Amino acid sequence: MRTGTLGESIQQSITQTALGLLIGSSVEALMPSPVEGAPLPTQVFEALVQVGLYGAALASFAGLVRG
């Protein structure tokens, strides 16, 4: 059983790509620039904060991203 047309699939793919770029750009803009030679715990903390921001953004927009 066919639930959508090719045009709808392409439109949804473009919307998801644009939303992904917007979310990624926003998270990267919020994060401070990496400090050269920062201690490992600081780098790990920054990475975990970034992962958390991506998770929160994805959870917020899950209804739009879900196919």
Protein backbone atom coordinates (compact mmCIF):
# COMPACT_ATOMS: atom_id res chain seq x y z
CA MET A 1 0.00 0.00 0.00
CA ARG A 2 1.45 3.33 -1.06
CA THR A 3 1.10 6.13 1.47
CA GLY A 4 2.76 9.04 -0.34
CA THR A 5 4.02 10.24 -3.65
CA LEU A 6 7.55 10.86 -4.79
CA GLY A 7 6.98 14.61 -4.62
CA GLU A 8 5.95 14.40 -0.97
CA SER A 9 9.02 12.31 -0.16
CA ILE A 10 11.33 14.81 -1.84
CA GLN A 11 9.66 17.71 -0.03
CA GLN A 12 9.99 15.94 3.30
CA SER A 13 13.66 15.15 2.63
CA ILE A 14 14.42 18.77 1.80
CA THR A 15 12.59 19.96 4.93
CA GLN A 16 14.47 17.49 7.14
CA THR A 17 17.82 18.48 5.60
CA ALA A 18 17.15 22.19 6.05
CA LEU A 19 16.01 21.66 9.64
CA GLY A 20 19.10 19.57 10.37
CA LEU A 21 21.36 22.30 9.00
CA LEU A 22 19.54 24.93 11.05
CA ILE A 23 19.78 22.89 14.26
CA GLY A 24 23.44 22.04 13.66
CA SER A 25 24.36 25.64 12.92
CA SER A 26 22.53 26.84 16.02
CA VAL A 27 24.27 24.35 18.31
CA GLU A 28 27.67 25.16 16.81
CA ALA A 29 27.02 28.89 17.27
CA LEU A 30 26.17 28.34 20.95
CA MET A 31 29.34 26.38 21.69
CA PRO A 32 32.53 28.28 22.53
CA SER A 33 35.54 27.79 20.29
CA PRO A 34 37.79 24.96 21.40
CA VAL A 35 40.83 25.97 23.46
CA GLU A 36 44.10 24.50 22.23
CA GLY A 37 45.67 22.38 24.94
CA ALA A 38 42.60 22.31 27.20
CA PRO A 39 42.65 19.53 29.80
CA LEU A 40 40.91 16.29 28.88
CA PRO A 41 38.09 16.65 31.45
CA THR A 42 37.22 20.06 29.98
CA GLN A 43 37.14 18.63 26.45
CA VAL A 44 34.95 15.73 27.58
CA PHE A 45 32.58 18.10 29.37
CA GLU A 46 32.27 20.32 26.29
CA ALA A 47 31.61 17.28 24.09
CA LEU A 48 28.90 16.05 26.47
CA VAL A 49 27.27 19.49 26.54
CA GLN A 50 27.26 19.54 22.74
CA VAL A 51 25.73 16.06 22.57
CA GLY A 52 23.10 17.15 25.10
CA LEU A 53 22.24 20.23 23.05
CA TYR A 54 21.83 18.11 19.92
CA GLY A 55 19.63 15.68 21.85
CA ALA A 56 17.46 18.48 23.22
CA ALA A 57 17.11 20.05 19.79
CA LEU A 58 16.21 16.72 18.21
CA ALA A 59 13.65 16.01 20.91
CA SER A 60 12.12 19.46 20.38
CA PHE A 61 11.79 18.99 16.63
CA ALA A 62 11.09 15.24 16.57
CA GLY A 63 7.57 15.76 15.25
CA LEU A 64 8.86 17.64 12.22
CA VAL A 65 11.80 15.33 11.58
CA ARG A 66 9.90 12.07 11.92
CA GLY A 67 9.02 10.56 8.57
